[in-house]
Amino acid sequence: MSINIAVDGPAGAGKSSIARAVAEEIGYIYVDTGALYRSIALYSIENKLEDESLINSLDKINIRLEFIDKCQHVVLNGSDVSDKIRTPDVSMRASRVSAIPKVREFLFGLQKKIAAENNIIMDGRDIGTVVLPNADLKIFLTASAEERASRRFKEMTDGSITYEQVLEDIKQRDYNDMNRAIAPLKQAEDAVLLDTTGMTINEVKQKLKSMIYETEKSRG
């Protein structure tokens, strides 16, 4: 029987990088649900679709997660978009499309199928509360808005945006995610809070791995 680890938290908390690294080290499959929403966001941007027209176009969207050398690649309608979905514009649009019930319904089945068939670490905004409410272990990974903005800013190399703009984007996305009508961002009642403010990546990884090992022991 598969073991499911749910990792939720706000934008910039390091969910994807931490979950991806830990999954690779312990032999689990990493499922970046944000990448699924980002792919739909990218499709809507490239095709200039607003909410209603996007809903009507969902049947034209095919998203696959391919694992090559233990690395997840996101394929949208036959094209690898793993890099294209990581821009600020796509991030902001993803926050909006993820609040559309029909979009969430569209992706829900894919996420559940992957989880049922594999030992996985899945990260997103509502994994422990909505997508995998019966996950074996739920983590709410967070950090202060200032630290999350600092991490994002250090990743940007083109100099087109200031730290203050990144911080404002983080705060706006937090507000959008926590106040959306459908599946708002919140910590599941049975989730473990892991605040990574001031922690190194290795410290966070070791903490998460120790919790997963304890979960595996309890499962026998």
N, C-alpha and C. Protein backbone atom coordinates (compact mmCIF):
# COMPACT_ATOMS: atom_id res chain seq x y z
N MET A 1 0.85 -1.19 0.00
CA MET A 1 0.00 0.00 0.00
C MET A 1 0.88 1.24 0.00
N SER A 2 0.54 2.20 -0.84
CA SER A 2 1.38 3.38 -1.01
C SER A 2 1.35 4.29 0.22
N ILE A 3 2.45 5.02 0.41
CA ILE A 3 2.56 6.01 1.48
C ILE A 3 2.50 7.40 0.86
N ASN A 4 1.60 8.23 1.37
CA ASN A 4 1.40 9.57 0.83
C ASN A 4 1.82 10.62 1.85
N ILE A 5 2.70 11.53 1.42
CA ILE A 5 3.16 12.63 2.26
C ILE A 5 2.64 13.93 1.64
N ALA A 6 1.88 14.70 2.40
CA ALA A 6 1.31 15.97 1.91
C ALA A 6 2.10 17.13 2.50
N VAL A 7 2.57 18.02 1.62
CA VAL A 7 3.30 19.20 2.06
C VAL A 7 2.59 20.45 1.54
N ASP A 8 2.02 21.21 2.45
CA ASP A 8 1.34 22.45 2.09
C ASP A 8 2.11 23.65 2.62
N GLY A 9 1.75 24.82 2.11
CA GLY A 9 2.39 26.04 2.60
C GLY A 9 2.27 27.16 1.60
N PRO A 10 2.62 28.37 2.02
CA PRO A 10 2.48 29.55 1.15
C PRO A 10 3.56 29.62 0.07
N ALA A 11 3.40 30.55 -0.85
CA ALA A 11 4.35 30.74 -1.94
C ALA A 11 5.73 31.11 -1.39
N GLY A 12 6.77 30.51 -1.98
CA GLY A 12 8.13 30.85 -1.59
C GLY A 12 8.63 30.19 -0.33
N ALA A 13 7.86 29.24 0.21
CA ALA A 13 8.28 28.58 1.45
C ALA A 13 9.34 27.51 1.22
N GLY A 14 9.58 27.18 -0.04
CA GLY A 14 10.57 26.15 -0.37
C GLY A 14 9.99 24.77 -0.48
N LYS A 15 8.66 24.69 -0.59
CA LYS A 15 7.99 23.38 -0.66
C LYS A 15 8.53 22.52 -1.81
N SER A 16 8.58 23.10 -2.99
CA SER A 16 8.95 22.32 -4.17
C SER A 16 10.39 21.83 -4.10
N SER A 17 11.33 22.73 -3.78
CA SER A 17 12.74 22.33 -3.76
C SER A 17 13.02 21.31 -2.66
N ILE A 18 12.40 21.52 -1.49
CA ILE A 18 12.61 20.58 -0.38
C ILE A 18 11.95 19.24 -0.67
N ALA A 19 10.70 19.26 -1.11
CA ALA A 19 9.98 18.01 -1.38
C ALA A 19 10.65 17.22 -2.50
N ARG A 20 11.09 17.92 -3.53
CA ARG A 20 11.75 17.27 -4.67
C ARG A 20 13.05 16.59 -4.20
N ALA A 21 13.85 17.31 -3.42
CA ALA A 21 15.13 16.75 -2.98
C ALA A 21 14.94 15.56 -2.05
N VAL A 22 14.01 15.68 -1.11
CA VAL A 22 13.77 14.58 -0.17
C VAL A 22 13.22 13.36 -0.89
N ALA A 23 12.30 13.57 -1.82
CA ALA A 23 11.73 12.45 -2.57
C ALA A 23 12.82 11.69 -3.32
N GLU A 24 13.73 12.42 -3.93
CA GLU A 24 14.81 11.78 -4.68
C GLU A 24 15.71 10.98 -3.74
N GLU A 25 15.99 11.53 -2.57
CA GLU A 25 16.91 10.87 -1.64
C GLU A 25 16.31 9.61 -1.02
N ILE A 26 14.99 9.57 -0.84
CA ILE A 26 14.39 8.40 -0.19
C ILE A 26 13.64 7.49 -1.16
N GLY A 27 13.68 7.83 -2.46
CA GLY A 27 13.09 6.95 -3.46
C GLY A 27 11.59 7.07 -3.63
N TYR A 28 11.02 8.22 -3.26
CA TYR A 28 9.61 8.49 -3.49
C TYR A 28 9.45 9.26 -4.79
N ILE A 29 8.22 9.30 -5.29
CA ILE A 29 7.92 10.14 -6.45
C ILE A 29 7.45 11.50 -5.95
N TYR A 30 8.03 12.54 -6.50
CA TYR A 30 7.65 13.91 -6.14
C TYR A 30 6.58 14.41 -7.09
N VAL A 31 5.50 14.94 -6.53
CA VAL A 31 4.41 15.48 -7.35
C VAL A 31 4.23 16.96 -7.01
N ASP A 32 4.62 17.80 -7.94
CA ASP A 32 4.52 19.25 -7.78
C ASP A 32 3.18 19.70 -8.34
N THR A 33 2.16 19.80 -7.46
CA THR A 33 0.83 20.19 -7.96
C THR A 33 0.82 21.62 -8.47
N GLY A 34 1.70 22.45 -7.90
CA GLY A 34 1.79 23.82 -8.40
C GLY A 34 2.15 23.86 -9.87
N ALA A 35 2.98 22.91 -10.30
CA ALA A 35 3.38 22.85 -11.70
C ALA A 35 2.17 22.56 -12.60
N LEU A 36 1.22 21.79 -12.08
CA LEU A 36 0.02 21.49 -12.86
C LEU A 36 -0.80 22.77 -13.08
N TYR A 37 -0.99 23.52 -11.99
CA TYR A 37 -1.74 24.78 -12.11
C TYR A 37 -0.97 25.81 -12.94
N ARG A 38 0.35 25.83 -12.78
CA ARG A 38 1.16 26.74 -13.57
C ARG A 38 1.05 26.44 -15.06
N SER A 39 0.94 25.15 -15.38
CA SER A 39 0.81 24.76 -16.79
C SER A 39 -0.49 25.30 -17.38
N ILE A 40 -1.56 25.20 -16.61
CA ILE A 40 -2.83 25.74 -17.08
C ILE A 40 -2.74 27.26 -17.17
N ALA A 41 -2.06 27.88 -16.20
CA ALA A 41 -1.87 29.33 -16.24
C ALA A 41 -1.10 29.73 -17.49
N LEU A 42 -0.04 29.00 -17.80
CA LEU A 42 0.75 29.28 -19.01
C LEU A 42 -0.11 29.15 -20.26
N TYR A 43 -0.92 28.10 -20.30
CA TYR A 43 -1.81 27.90 -21.45
C TYR A 43 -2.76 29.08 -21.61
N SER A 44 -3.30 29.56 -20.50
CA SER A 44 -4.25 30.68 -20.56
C SER A 44 -3.57 31.97 -21.02
N ILE A 45 -2.32 32.17 -20.57
CA ILE A 45 -1.58 33.37 -20.98
C ILE A 45 -1.23 33.31 -22.46
N GLU A 46 -0.71 32.18 -22.89
CA GLU A 46 -0.27 32.05 -24.29
C GLU A 46 -1.44 32.13 -25.26
N ASN A 47 -2.61 31.70 -24.80
CA ASN A 47 -3.78 31.71 -25.67
C ASN A 47 -4.75 32.86 -25.36
N LYS A 48 -4.29 33.77 -24.46
CA LYS A 48 -5.07 34.96 -24.11
C LYS A 48 -6.50 34.62 -23.68
N LEU A 49 -6.59 33.68 -22.74
CA LEU A 49 -7.89 33.20 -22.27
C LEU A 49 -8.22 33.77 -20.90
N GLU A 50 -9.42 34.30 -20.75
CA GLU A 50 -9.92 34.69 -19.43
C GLU A 50 -10.60 33.48 -18.80
N ASP A 51 -11.14 33.65 -17.60
CA ASP A 51 -11.63 32.50 -16.83
C ASP A 51 -12.64 31.64 -17.59
N GLU A 52 -13.67 32.27 -18.15
CA GLU A 52 -14.72 31.50 -18.81
C GLU A 52 -14.21 30.78 -20.05
N SER A 53 -13.43 31.47 -20.85
CA SER A 53 -12.90 30.85 -22.07
C SER A 53 -11.88 29.76 -21.72
N LEU A 54 -11.18 29.92 -20.59
CA LEU A 54 -10.26 28.87 -20.16
C LEU A 54 -11.03 27.61 -19.78
N ILE A 55 -12.11 27.78 -19.04
CA ILE A 55 -12.95 26.65 -18.65
C ILE A 55 -13.43 25.89 -19.89
N ASN A 56 -13.82 26.63 -20.90
CA ASN A 56 -14.32 26.01 -22.13
C ASN A 56 -13.21 25.34 -22.94
N SER A 57 -11.95 25.62 -22.58
CA SER A 57 -10.82 25.07 -23.34
C SER A 57 -10.11 23.94 -22.59
N LEU A 58 -10.59 23.58 -21.41
CA LEU A 58 -9.90 22.57 -20.60
C LEU A 58 -9.75 21.24 -21.33
N ASP A 59 -10.73 20.90 -22.18
CA ASP A 59 -10.65 19.62 -22.88
C ASP A 59 -9.55 19.61 -23.94
N LYS A 60 -8.95 20.77 -24.19
CA LYS A 60 -7.85 20.86 -25.16
C LYS A 60 -6.48 20.77 -24.48
N ILE A 61 -6.50 20.68 -23.15
CA ILE A 61 -5.25 20.68 -22.39
C ILE A 61 -4.88 19.27 -21.95
N ASN A 62 -3.66 18.89 -22.25
CA ASN A 62 -3.14 17.59 -21.81
C ASN A 62 -1.84 17.82 -21.05
N ILE A 63 -1.83 17.45 -19.77
CA ILE A 63 -0.64 17.65 -18.93
C ILE A 63 -0.14 16.29 -18.46
N ARG A 64 1.16 16.08 -18.61
CA ARG A 64 1.78 14.85 -18.12
C ARG A 64 2.97 15.19 -17.25
N LEU A 65 3.19 14.38 -16.23
CA LEU A 65 4.41 14.48 -15.43
C LEU A 65 5.29 13.31 -15.84
N GLU A 66 6.48 13.62 -16.35
CA GLU A 66 7.42 12.59 -16.74
C GLU A 66 8.62 12.64 -15.81
N PHE A 67 9.07 11.49 -15.36
CA PHE A 67 10.20 11.41 -14.45
C PHE A 67 11.40 10.85 -15.19
N ILE A 68 12.36 11.73 -15.48
CA ILE A 68 13.55 11.37 -16.24
C ILE A 68 14.75 11.53 -15.32
N ASP A 69 15.48 10.43 -15.09
CA ASP A 69 16.62 10.45 -14.16
C ASP A 69 16.21 11.03 -12.81
N LYS A 70 15.04 10.59 -12.33
CA LYS A 70 14.48 11.01 -11.04
C LYS A 70 14.09 12.48 -11.00
N CYS A 71 14.06 13.14 -12.13
CA CYS A 71 13.71 14.56 -12.18
C CYS A 71 12.36 14.72 -12.88
N GLN A 72 11.47 15.50 -12.27
CA GLN A 72 10.15 15.70 -12.83
C GLN A 72 10.19 16.71 -13.98
N HIS A 73 9.60 16.34 -15.10
CA HIS A 73 9.42 17.24 -16.23
C HIS A 73 7.93 17.41 -16.47
N VAL A 74 7.53 18.62 -16.76
CA VAL A 74 6.11 18.91 -17.00
C VAL A 74 5.90 19.08 -18.50
N VAL A 75 5.01 18.28 -19.04
CA VAL A 75 4.75 18.29 -20.48
C VAL A 75 3.34 18.79 -20.73
N LEU A 76 3.23 19.90 -21.44
CA LEU A 76 1.94 20.51 -21.77
C LEU A 76 1.69 20.37 -23.26
N ASN A 77 0.67 19.61 -23.59
CA ASN A 77 0.30 19.38 -25.00
C ASN A 77 1.52 19.02 -25.84
N GLY A 78 2.34 18.11 -25.31
CA GLY A 78 3.47 17.60 -26.06
C GLY A 78 4.76 18.37 -25.93
N SER A 79 4.74 19.54 -25.24
CA SER A 79 5.95 20.35 -25.11
C SER A 79 6.40 20.40 -23.65
N ASP A 80 7.70 20.26 -23.43
CA ASP A 80 8.27 20.35 -22.09
C ASP A 80 8.28 21.82 -21.67
N VAL A 81 7.48 22.16 -20.65
CA VAL A 81 7.34 23.55 -20.21
C VAL A 81 7.91 23.73 -18.80
N SER A 82 8.78 22.84 -18.38
CA SER A 82 9.31 22.86 -17.02
C SER A 82 9.93 24.19 -16.64
N ASP A 83 10.58 24.86 -17.59
CA ASP A 83 11.19 26.16 -17.32
C ASP A 83 10.22 27.31 -17.54
N LYS A 84 9.39 27.22 -18.56
CA LYS A 84 8.49 28.32 -18.92
C LYS A 84 7.45 28.61 -17.85
N ILE A 85 7.13 27.63 -17.00
CA ILE A 85 6.08 27.83 -16.01
C ILE A 85 6.60 28.50 -14.73
N ARG A 86 7.87 28.88 -14.69
CA ARG A 86 8.46 29.42 -13.46
C ARG A 86 8.63 30.95 -13.48
N THR A 87 7.94 31.66 -14.36
CA THR A 87 8.05 33.11 -14.41
C THR A 87 7.07 33.77 -13.43
N PRO A 88 7.35 35.01 -12.99
CA PRO A 88 6.43 35.71 -12.08
C PRO A 88 5.01 35.85 -12.64
N ASP A 89 4.88 36.13 -13.95
CA ASP A 89 3.56 36.28 -14.55
C ASP A 89 2.75 34.99 -14.45
N VAL A 90 3.41 33.87 -14.70
CA VAL A 90 2.74 32.58 -14.61
C VAL A 90 2.37 32.28 -13.15
N SER A 91 3.25 32.64 -12.22
CA SER A 91 2.97 32.41 -10.80
C SER A 91 1.70 33.13 -10.36
N MET A 92 1.59 34.41 -10.74
CA MET A 92 0.43 35.19 -10.35
C MET A 92 -0.85 34.65 -11.00
N ARG A 93 -0.75 34.29 -12.27
CA ARG A 93 -1.92 33.75 -12.97
C ARG A 93 -2.32 32.39 -12.38
N ALA A 94 -1.32 31.61 -11.95
CA ALA A 94 -1.62 30.30 -11.36
C ALA A 94 -2.44 30.44 -10.09
N SER A 95 -2.14 31.47 -9.30
CA SER A 95 -2.91 31.70 -8.08
C SER A 95 -4.37 31.96 -8.41
N ARG A 96 -4.60 32.63 -9.54
CA ARG A 96 -5.97 32.95 -9.95
C ARG A 96 -6.69 31.72 -10.51
N VAL A 97 -6.04 30.98 -11.41
CA VAL A 97 -6.73 29.84 -12.03
C VAL A 97 -6.97 28.73 -11.03
N SER A 98 -6.12 28.64 -9.98
CA SER A 98 -6.31 27.59 -8.99
C SER A 98 -7.56 27.79 -8.15
N ALA A 99 -8.14 28.99 -8.23
CA ALA A 99 -9.38 29.28 -7.49
C ALA A 99 -10.62 28.95 -8.32
N ILE A 100 -10.43 28.51 -9.56
CA ILE A 100 -11.56 28.20 -10.44
C ILE A 100 -11.99 26.75 -10.20
N PRO A 101 -13.20 26.51 -9.72
CA PRO A 101 -13.63 25.14 -9.39
C PRO A 101 -13.44 24.14 -10.53
N LYS A 102 -13.76 24.52 -11.75
CA LYS A 102 -13.65 23.59 -12.88
C LYS A 102 -12.20 23.20 -13.16
N VAL A 103 -11.28 24.13 -12.92
CA VAL A 103 -9.86 23.82 -13.10
C VAL A 103 -9.41 22.84 -12.04
N ARG A 104 -9.82 23.06 -10.80
CA ARG A 104 -9.44 22.17 -9.70
C ARG A 104 -10.01 20.76 -9.94
N GLU A 105 -11.25 20.71 -10.41
CA GLU A 105 -11.87 19.43 -10.72
C GLU A 105 -11.12 18.71 -11.83
N PHE A 106 -10.68 19.48 -12.82
CA PHE A 106 -9.95 18.94 -13.96
C PHE A 106 -8.67 18.22 -13.52
N LEU A 107 -7.97 18.81 -12.54
CA LEU A 107 -6.68 18.27 -12.10
C LEU A 107 -6.79 17.29 -10.94
N PHE A 108 -7.92 17.29 -10.26
CA PHE A 108 -8.09 16.49 -9.06
C PHE A 108 -7.88 15.00 -9.33
N GLY A 109 -8.49 14.50 -10.39
CA GLY A 109 -8.39 13.08 -10.71
C GLY A 109 -6.96 12.64 -10.98
N LEU A 110 -6.20 13.48 -11.69
CA LEU A 110 -4.81 13.15 -12.00
C LEU A 110 -3.98 13.03 -10.73
N GLN A 111 -4.16 13.97 -9.81
CA GLN A 111 -3.41 13.95 -8.56
C GLN A 111 -3.74 12.71 -7.73
N LYS A 112 -5.02 12.38 -7.62
CA LYS A 112 -5.45 11.22 -6.82
C LYS A 112 -4.89 9.92 -7.42
N LYS A 113 -4.89 9.83 -8.74
CA LYS A 113 -4.41 8.62 -9.41
C LYS A 113 -2.93 8.39 -9.13
N ILE A 114 -2.13 9.44 -9.22
CA ILE A 114 -0.70 9.32 -8.97
C ILE A 114 -0.46 8.89 -7.52
N ALA A 115 -1.21 9.46 -6.59
CA ALA A 115 -1.03 9.16 -5.17
C ALA A 115 -1.41 7.72 -4.84
N ALA A 116 -2.43 7.21 -5.50
CA ALA A 116 -2.92 5.86 -5.22
C ALA A 116 -1.93 4.79 -5.69
N GLU A 117 -1.15 5.14 -6.68
CA GLU A 117 -0.28 4.14 -7.32
C GLU A 117 1.17 4.18 -6.87
N ASN A 118 1.56 5.21 -6.10
CA ASN A 118 2.98 5.38 -5.78
C ASN A 118 3.19 5.88 -4.36
N ASN A 119 4.39 5.63 -3.82
CA ASN A 119 4.83 6.34 -2.61
C ASN A 119 5.21 7.74 -3.08
N ILE A 120 4.51 8.75 -2.58
CA ILE A 120 4.71 10.10 -3.12
C ILE A 120 4.87 11.15 -2.02
N ILE A 121 5.55 12.23 -2.41
CA ILE A 121 5.51 13.47 -1.66
C ILE A 121 4.85 14.48 -2.58
N MET A 122 3.71 14.99 -2.18
CA MET A 122 2.95 15.92 -3.01
C MET A 122 2.87 17.27 -2.31
N ASP A 123 3.21 18.32 -3.02
CA ASP A 123 3.14 19.63 -2.38
C ASP A 123 2.21 20.56 -3.13
N GLY A 124 1.66 21.52 -2.39
CA GLY A 124 0.73 22.47 -2.99
C GLY A 124 0.15 23.39 -1.93
N ARG A 125 -1.11 23.80 -2.13
CA ARG A 125 -1.77 24.71 -1.19
C ARG A 125 -2.85 24.01 -0.37
N ASP A 126 -3.40 22.91 -0.90
CA ASP A 126 -4.53 22.26 -0.21
C ASP A 126 -4.42 20.74 -0.27
N ILE A 127 -3.20 20.23 -0.25
CA ILE A 127 -3.02 18.79 -0.38
C ILE A 127 -3.56 18.07 0.86
N GLY A 128 -3.16 18.52 2.03
CA GLY A 128 -3.61 17.86 3.26
C GLY A 128 -5.05 18.12 3.61
N THR A 129 -5.61 19.22 3.11
CA THR A 129 -6.99 19.56 3.46
C THR A 129 -8.01 19.05 2.44
N VAL A 130 -7.61 18.96 1.16
CA VAL A 130 -8.58 18.63 0.11
C VAL A 130 -8.15 17.43 -0.75
N VAL A 131 -6.95 17.50 -1.31
CA VAL A 131 -6.54 16.48 -2.29
C VAL A 131 -6.26 15.14 -1.62
N LEU A 132 -5.46 15.15 -0.53
CA LEU A 132 -5.13 13.91 0.18
C LEU A 132 -5.46 14.06 1.67
N PRO A 133 -6.75 14.15 1.99
CA PRO A 133 -7.14 14.34 3.39
C PRO A 133 -6.75 13.18 4.29
N ASN A 134 -6.48 12.01 3.70
CA ASN A 134 -6.08 10.84 4.48
C ASN A 134 -4.59 10.53 4.33
N ALA A 135 -3.80 11.53 3.97
CA ALA A 135 -2.36 11.34 3.81
C ALA A 135 -1.75 10.78 5.10
N ASP A 136 -0.71 9.96 4.95
CA ASP A 136 -0.07 9.35 6.12
C ASP A 136 0.67 10.38 6.97
N LEU A 137 1.16 11.43 6.33
CA LEU A 137 1.85 12.50 7.06
C LEU A 137 1.55 13.82 6.36
N LYS A 138 1.17 14.83 7.15
CA LYS A 138 0.88 16.16 6.60
C LYS A 138 1.83 17.17 7.23
N ILE A 139 2.47 17.95 6.37
CA ILE A 139 3.40 18.98 6.81
C ILE A 139 2.90 20.33 6.31
N PHE A 140 2.89 21.34 7.18
CA PHE A 140 2.62 22.71 6.73
C PHE A 140 3.95 23.45 6.82
N LEU A 141 4.56 23.65 5.65
CA LEU A 141 5.89 24.25 5.55
C LEU A 141 5.77 25.74 5.28
N THR A 142 6.35 26.55 6.15
CA THR A 142 6.20 27.99 5.98
C THR A 142 7.47 28.71 6.41
N ALA A 143 7.47 30.03 6.24
CA ALA A 143 8.55 30.92 6.69
C ALA A 143 7.97 32.32 6.63
N SER A 144 8.66 33.28 7.26
CA SER A 144 8.16 34.65 7.23
C SER A 144 8.10 35.17 5.80
N ALA A 145 7.21 36.12 5.54
CA ALA A 145 7.08 36.70 4.20
C ALA A 145 8.41 37.32 3.76
N GLU A 146 9.10 37.96 4.68
CA GLU A 146 10.38 38.59 4.35
C GLU A 146 11.43 37.57 3.94
N GLU A 147 11.49 36.46 4.66
CA GLU A 147 12.46 35.42 4.31
C GLU A 147 12.11 34.77 2.99
N ARG A 148 10.83 34.53 2.76
CA ARG A 148 10.42 33.93 1.49
C ARG A 148 10.73 34.86 0.31
N ALA A 149 10.51 36.15 0.51
CA ALA A 149 10.81 37.12 -0.55
C ALA A 149 12.31 37.18 -0.80
N SER A 150 13.11 37.12 0.26
CA SER A 150 14.56 37.15 0.11
C SER A 150 15.05 35.95 -0.68
N ARG A 151 14.49 34.78 -0.41
CA ARG A 151 14.87 33.57 -1.14
C ARG A 151 14.53 33.69 -2.62
N ARG A 152 13.33 34.16 -2.91
CA ARG A 152 12.89 34.33 -4.29
C ARG A 152 13.78 35.35 -5.01
N PHE A 153 14.08 36.45 -4.33
CA PHE A 153 14.88 37.51 -4.95
C PHE A 153 16.28 37.01 -5.30
N LYS A 154 16.86 36.19 -4.44
CA LYS A 154 18.20 35.66 -4.70
C LYS A 154 18.22 34.71 -5.89
N GLU A 155 17.06 34.10 -6.19
CA GLU A 155 16.98 33.18 -7.33
C GLU A 155 16.90 33.92 -8.67
N MET A 156 16.53 35.21 -8.62
CA MET A 156 16.34 35.98 -9.84
C MET A 156 17.67 36.60 -10.26
N THR A 157 18.00 36.44 -11.54
CA THR A 157 19.31 36.88 -12.02
C THR A 157 19.24 38.00 -13.06
N ASP A 158 18.04 38.35 -13.52
CA ASP A 158 17.97 39.33 -14.61
C ASP A 158 17.87 40.78 -14.13
N GLY A 159 17.66 40.97 -12.81
CA GLY A 159 17.62 42.32 -12.27
C GLY A 159 16.42 43.15 -12.69
N SER A 160 15.39 42.49 -13.18
CA SER A 160 14.22 43.22 -13.68
C SER A 160 13.21 43.55 -12.60
N ILE A 161 13.43 43.04 -11.39
CA ILE A 161 12.46 43.25 -10.32
C ILE A 161 13.21 43.47 -9.01
N THR A 162 12.68 44.33 -8.16
CA THR A 162 13.34 44.64 -6.89
C THR A 162 12.85 43.71 -5.79
N TYR A 163 13.61 43.69 -4.68
CA TYR A 163 13.21 42.89 -3.52
C TYR A 163 11.84 43.34 -3.02
N GLU A 164 11.62 44.67 -3.00
CA GLU A 164 10.33 45.19 -2.52
C GLU A 164 9.17 44.70 -3.37
N GLN A 165 9.40 44.58 -4.68
CA GLN A 165 8.34 44.08 -5.56
C GLN A 165 8.08 42.60 -5.31
N VAL A 166 9.15 41.86 -5.08
CA VAL A 166 9.00 40.43 -4.78
C VAL A 166 8.23 40.25 -3.48
N LEU A 167 8.56 41.05 -2.46
CA LEU A 167 7.87 40.97 -1.18
C LEU A 167 6.39 41.31 -1.34
N GLU A 168 6.10 42.32 -2.13
CA GLU A 168 4.70 42.70 -2.35
C GLU A 168 3.95 41.59 -3.07
N ASP A 169 4.61 40.97 -4.06
CA ASP A 169 3.99 39.85 -4.78
C ASP A 169 3.70 38.69 -3.84
N ILE A 170 4.65 38.40 -2.94
CA ILE A 170 4.48 37.31 -1.97
C ILE A 170 3.27 37.60 -1.07
N LYS A 171 3.19 38.82 -0.56
CA LYS A 171 2.10 39.18 0.34
C LYS A 171 0.75 39.14 -0.39
N GLN A 172 0.74 39.60 -1.65
CA GLN A 172 -0.50 39.58 -2.42
C GLN A 172 -0.94 38.15 -2.71
N ARG A 173 0.03 37.30 -3.02
CA ARG A 173 -0.31 35.91 -3.30
C ARG A 173 -0.80 35.20 -2.04
N ASP A 174 -0.17 35.50 -0.90
CA ASP A 174 -0.65 34.94 0.37
C ASP A 174 -2.11 35.31 0.59
N TYR A 175 -2.41 36.58 0.37
CA TYR A 175 -3.79 37.05 0.57
C TYR A 175 -4.75 36.33 -0.37
N ASN A 176 -4.36 36.25 -1.65
CA ASN A 176 -5.22 35.59 -2.64
C ASN A 176 -5.45 34.13 -2.27
N ASP A 177 -4.37 33.44 -1.89
CA ASP A 177 -4.48 32.01 -1.60
C ASP A 177 -5.29 31.73 -0.34
N MET A 178 -5.16 32.59 0.67
CA MET A 178 -5.85 32.36 1.93
C MET A 178 -7.31 32.80 1.90
N ASN A 179 -7.67 33.65 0.93
CA ASN A 179 -9.02 34.21 0.91
C ASN A 179 -9.87 33.74 -0.27
N ARG A 180 -9.33 32.82 -1.07
CA ARG A 180 -10.14 32.33 -2.19
C ARG A 180 -11.30 31.50 -1.65
N ALA A 181 -12.39 31.48 -2.40
CA ALA A 181 -13.60 30.80 -1.95
C ALA A 181 -13.45 29.28 -1.97
N ILE A 182 -12.67 28.76 -2.94
CA ILE A 182 -12.51 27.32 -3.09
C ILE A 182 -11.16 26.89 -2.53
N ALA A 183 -11.18 25.97 -1.56
CA ALA A 183 -9.97 25.37 -0.99
C ALA A 183 -8.91 26.40 -0.65
N PRO A 184 -9.20 27.33 0.26
CA PRO A 184 -8.19 28.33 0.63
C PRO A 184 -7.00 27.70 1.33
N LEU A 185 -5.86 28.38 1.24
CA LEU A 185 -4.66 27.91 1.92
C LEU A 185 -4.84 27.98 3.43
N LYS A 186 -4.68 26.83 4.09
CA LYS A 186 -4.73 26.79 5.55
C LYS A 186 -4.06 25.51 6.02
N GLN A 187 -3.62 25.52 7.25
CA GLN A 187 -2.99 24.34 7.82
C GLN A 187 -4.04 23.34 8.23
N ALA A 188 -3.88 22.09 7.78
CA ALA A 188 -4.80 21.03 8.20
C ALA A 188 -4.68 20.83 9.70
N GLU A 189 -5.77 20.47 10.34
CA GLU A 189 -5.78 20.31 11.80
C GLU A 189 -4.76 19.28 12.27
N ASP A 190 -4.51 18.25 11.47
CA ASP A 190 -3.58 17.19 11.88
C ASP A 190 -2.21 17.32 11.20
N ALA A 191 -1.92 18.50 10.66
CA ALA A 191 -0.63 18.73 10.02
C ALA A 191 0.41 19.19 11.03
N VAL A 192 1.66 18.86 10.76
CA VAL A 192 2.78 19.31 11.58
C VAL A 192 3.30 20.63 11.02
N LEU A 193 3.38 21.65 11.85
CA LEU A 193 3.88 22.95 11.39
C LEU A 193 5.41 22.91 11.37
N LEU A 194 5.99 23.28 10.22
CA LEU A 194 7.44 23.34 10.09
C LEU A 194 7.80 24.73 9.57
N ASP A 195 8.19 25.60 10.50
CA ASP A 195 8.59 26.97 10.14
C ASP A 195 10.08 26.97 9.85
N THR A 196 10.44 27.28 8.60
CA THR A 196 11.83 27.16 8.17
C THR A 196 12.60 28.48 8.26
N THR A 197 12.00 29.50 8.85
CA THR A 197 12.70 30.78 8.99
C THR A 197 14.01 30.56 9.74
N GLY A 198 15.11 30.96 9.11
CA GLY A 198 16.42 30.83 9.73
C GLY A 198 17.05 29.46 9.59
N MET A 199 16.35 28.51 8.96
CA MET A 199 16.90 27.16 8.78
C MET A 199 17.59 27.05 7.42
N THR A 200 18.63 26.21 7.36
CA THR A 200 19.25 25.92 6.08
C THR A 200 18.45 24.85 5.35
N ILE A 201 18.70 24.72 4.05
CA ILE A 201 18.01 23.69 3.26
C ILE A 201 18.29 22.31 3.83
N ASN A 202 19.54 22.04 4.18
CA ASN A 202 19.88 20.72 4.73
C ASN A 202 19.17 20.44 6.04
N GLU A 203 19.04 21.46 6.88
CA GLU A 203 18.34 21.29 8.15
C GLU A 203 16.87 20.94 7.92
N VAL A 204 16.25 21.61 6.95
CA VAL A 204 14.84 21.33 6.64
C VAL A 204 14.70 19.93 6.07
N LYS A 205 15.59 19.56 5.16
CA LYS A 205 15.54 18.23 4.56
C LYS A 205 15.66 17.14 5.62
N GLN A 206 16.61 17.29 6.52
CA GLN A 206 16.81 16.27 7.55
C GLN A 206 15.60 16.16 8.47
N LYS A 207 14.99 17.31 8.79
CA LYS A 207 13.80 17.30 9.64
C LYS A 207 12.65 16.57 8.95
N LEU A 208 12.45 16.86 7.66
CA LEU A 208 11.36 16.22 6.92
C LEU A 208 11.62 14.72 6.77
N LYS A 209 12.85 14.36 6.47
CA LYS A 209 13.16 12.93 6.32
C LYS A 209 12.94 12.16 7.62
N SER A 210 13.31 12.75 8.74
CA SER A 210 13.11 12.07 10.02
C SER A 210 11.63 11.84 10.29
N MET A 211 10.79 12.81 9.92
CA MET A 211 9.35 12.64 10.12
C MET A 211 8.79 11.55 9.20
N ILE A 212 9.30 11.47 7.99
CA ILE A 212 8.85 10.44 7.05
C ILE A 212 9.27 9.06 7.54
N TYR A 213 10.50 8.94 8.03
CA TYR A 213 10.98 7.64 8.55
C TYR A 213 10.12 7.17 9.73
N GLU A 214 9.74 8.11 10.59
CA GLU A 214 8.88 7.76 11.72
C GLU A 214 7.51 7.29 11.23
N THR A 215 7.02 7.93 10.16
CA THR A 215 5.74 7.53 9.58
C THR A 215 5.83 6.13 9.00
N GLU A 216 6.95 5.84 8.31
CA GLU A 216 7.13 4.51 7.74
C GLU A 216 7.18 3.44 8.84
N LYS A 217 7.85 3.76 9.93
CA LYS A 217 7.93 2.81 11.05
C LYS A 217 6.54 2.50 11.62
N SER A 218 5.73 3.54 11.74
CA SER A 218 4.39 3.36 12.30
C SER A 218 3.50 2.54 11.37
N ARG A 219 3.84 2.58 10.07
CA ARG A 219 3.08 1.78 9.10
C ARG A 219 3.58 0.33 9.06
N GLY A 220 4.70 0.09 9.71
CA GLY A 220 5.25 -1.27 9.74
C GLY A 220 6.03 -1.61 8.50
